[in-house]
Amino acid sequence: MVLIKPLFDDLERVKLNFLKTCEKLVAAGRLEKEEFKDIEVLLDQMEEYEDQEFRSELGKISKGLSDFLDWE
């Protein structure tokens, strides 16, 4: 139980950093606003996905931009 809060906080921090990066991609014209909104929804619902399914959905939304991520 004690470890849940720090892990949750870490996950939320990663999500926020990921969204900041996506905002920069939108500003640079490399990601559409609609794609950004879809990524927000996906991140909010990420616990409902298996790892591979989440990666696949993210890849579809981002048109492969997420392929650069090191998932291991």
C-alpha atoms as a PDB file:
ATOM      1  CA  MET A   1       0.000   0.000   0.000  1.00  0.00           C
ATOM      2  CA  VAL A   2       2.816   2.405   0.845  1.00  0.00           C
ATOM      3  CA  LEU A   3       4.405   2.081  -2.605  1.00  0.00           C
ATOM      4  CA  ILE A   4       1.213   2.852  -4.521  1.00  0.00           C
ATOM      5  CA  LYS A   5       1.269   6.618  -3.934  1.00  0.00           C
ATOM      6  CA  PRO A   6       4.868   7.149  -5.117  1.00  0.00           C
ATOM      7  CA  LEU A   7       4.266   4.955  -8.176  1.00  0.00           C
ATOM      8  CA  PHE A   8       1.075   6.830  -8.979  1.00  0.00           C
ATOM      9  CA  ASP A   9       2.895  10.149  -8.616  1.00  0.00           C
ATOM     10  CA  ASP A  10       5.697   8.923 -10.894  1.00  0.00           C
ATOM     11  CA  LEU A  11       3.209   7.756 -13.512  1.00  0.00           C
ATOM     12  CA  GLU A  12       1.380  11.074 -13.440  1.00  0.00           C
ATOM     13  CA  ARG A  13       4.689  12.927 -13.813  1.00  0.00           C
ATOM     14  CA  VAL A  14       5.573  10.784 -16.845  1.00  0.00           C
ATOM     15  CA  LYS A  15       2.147  11.431 -18.374  1.00  0.00           C
ATOM     16  CA  LEU A  16       2.553  15.184 -17.909  1.00  0.00           C
ATOM     17  CA  ASN A  17       6.024  15.159 -19.464  1.00  0.00           C
ATOM     18  CA  PHE A  18       4.721  13.091 -22.371  1.00  0.00           C
ATOM     19  CA  LEU A  19       1.863  15.563 -22.904  1.00  0.00           C
ATOM     20  CA  LYS A  20       4.293  18.494 -22.817  1.00  0.00           C
ATOM     21  CA  THR A  21       6.321  16.797 -25.532  1.00  0.00           C
ATOM     22  CA  CYS A  22       3.163  16.232 -27.569  1.00  0.00           C
ATOM     23  CA  GLU A  23       2.264  19.917 -27.184  1.00  0.00           C
ATOM     24  CA  LYS A  24       5.660  20.818 -28.625  1.00  0.00           C
ATOM     25  CA  LEU A  25       5.023  18.459 -31.539  1.00  0.00           C
ATOM     26  CA  VAL A  26       1.673  20.162 -32.177  1.00  0.00           C
ATOM     27  CA  ALA A  27       3.373  23.569 -32.110  1.00  0.00           C
ATOM     28  CA  ALA A  28       5.974  22.291 -34.576  1.00  0.00           C
ATOM     29  CA  GLY A  29       3.271  20.932 -36.879  1.00  0.00           C
ATOM     30  CA  ARG A  30       4.359  17.316 -36.440  1.00  0.00           C
ATOM     31  CA  LEU A  31       1.197  16.290 -34.562  1.00  0.00           C
ATOM     32  CA  GLU A  32      -2.373  17.408 -35.229  1.00  0.00           C
ATOM     33  CA  LYS A  33      -4.500  18.876 -32.429  1.00  0.00           C
ATOM     34  CA  GLU A  34      -7.008  16.049 -32.856  1.00  0.00           C
ATOM     35  CA  GLU A  35      -4.213  13.500 -32.479  1.00  0.00           C
ATOM     36  CA  PHE A  36      -3.103  15.289 -29.311  1.00  0.00           C
ATOM     37  CA  LYS A  37      -6.639  15.072 -27.909  1.00  0.00           C
ATOM     38  CA  ASP A  38      -6.763  11.365 -28.752  1.00  0.00           C
ATOM     39  CA  ILE A  39      -3.448  10.848 -26.948  1.00  0.00           C
ATOM     40  CA  GLU A  40      -4.843  12.624 -23.874  1.00  0.00           C
ATOM     41  CA  VAL A  41      -7.815  10.243 -23.845  1.00  0.00           C
ATOM     42  CA  LEU A  42      -5.552   7.240 -24.358  1.00  0.00           C
ATOM     43  CA  LEU A  43      -3.333   8.277 -21.433  1.00  0.00           C
ATOM     44  CA  ASP A  44      -6.373   8.772 -19.217  1.00  0.00           C
ATOM     45  CA  GLN A  45      -7.532   5.253 -20.049  1.00  0.00           C
ATOM     46  CA  MET A  46      -4.139   3.543 -20.202  1.00  0.00           C
ATOM     47  CA  GLU A  47      -4.831   1.186 -17.287  1.00  0.00           C
ATOM     48  CA  GLU A  48      -7.570  -0.416 -19.414  1.00  0.00           C
ATOM     49  CA  TYR A  49      -5.037  -1.565 -22.039  1.00  0.00           C
ATOM     50  CA  GLU A  50      -2.499  -4.345 -22.148  1.00  0.00           C
ATOM     51  CA  ASP A  51       1.020  -3.035 -22.880  1.00  0.00           C
ATOM     52  CA  GLN A  52       1.145  -4.105 -26.527  1.00  0.00           C
ATOM     53  CA  GLU A  53      -2.393  -2.871 -27.170  1.00  0.00           C
ATOM     54  CA  PHE A  54      -1.520   0.538 -25.661  1.00  0.00           C
ATOM     55  CA  ARG A  55       1.624   0.809 -27.814  1.00  0.00           C
ATOM     56  CA  SER A  56      -0.355  -0.132 -30.898  1.00  0.00           C
ATOM     57  CA  GLU A  57      -3.068   2.463 -30.223  1.00  0.00           C
ATOM     58  CA  LEU A  58      -0.481   5.147 -29.496  1.00  0.00           C
ATOM     59  CA  GLY A  59       1.343   4.296 -32.724  1.00  0.00           C
ATOM     60  CA  LYS A  60      -1.892   4.593 -34.719  1.00  0.00           C
ATOM     61  CA  ILE A  61      -2.782   7.942 -33.174  1.00  0.00           C
ATOM     62  CA  SER A  62       0.691   9.423 -33.521  1.00  0.00           C
ATOM     63  CA  LYS A  63       1.247   8.011 -37.016  1.00  0.00           C
ATOM     64  CA  GLY A  64       4.401   6.265 -35.827  1.00  0.00           C
ATOM     65  CA  LEU A  65       5.930   9.202 -33.923  1.00  0.00           C
ATOM     66  CA  SER A  66       5.859   7.068 -30.777  1.00  0.00           C
ATOM     67  CA  ASP A  67       8.090   4.472 -32.439  1.00  0.00           C
ATOM     68  CA  PHE A  68      11.138   6.320 -31.101  1.00  0.00           C
ATOM     69  CA  LEU A  69      10.198   5.481 -27.498  1.00  0.00           C
ATOM     70  CA  ASP A  70      12.246   2.860 -25.681  1.00  0.00           C
ATOM     71  CA  TRP A  71       9.568   0.678 -24.078  1.00  0.00           C
ATOM     72  CA  GLU A  72      11.959  -1.802 -22.448  1.00  0.00           C
END
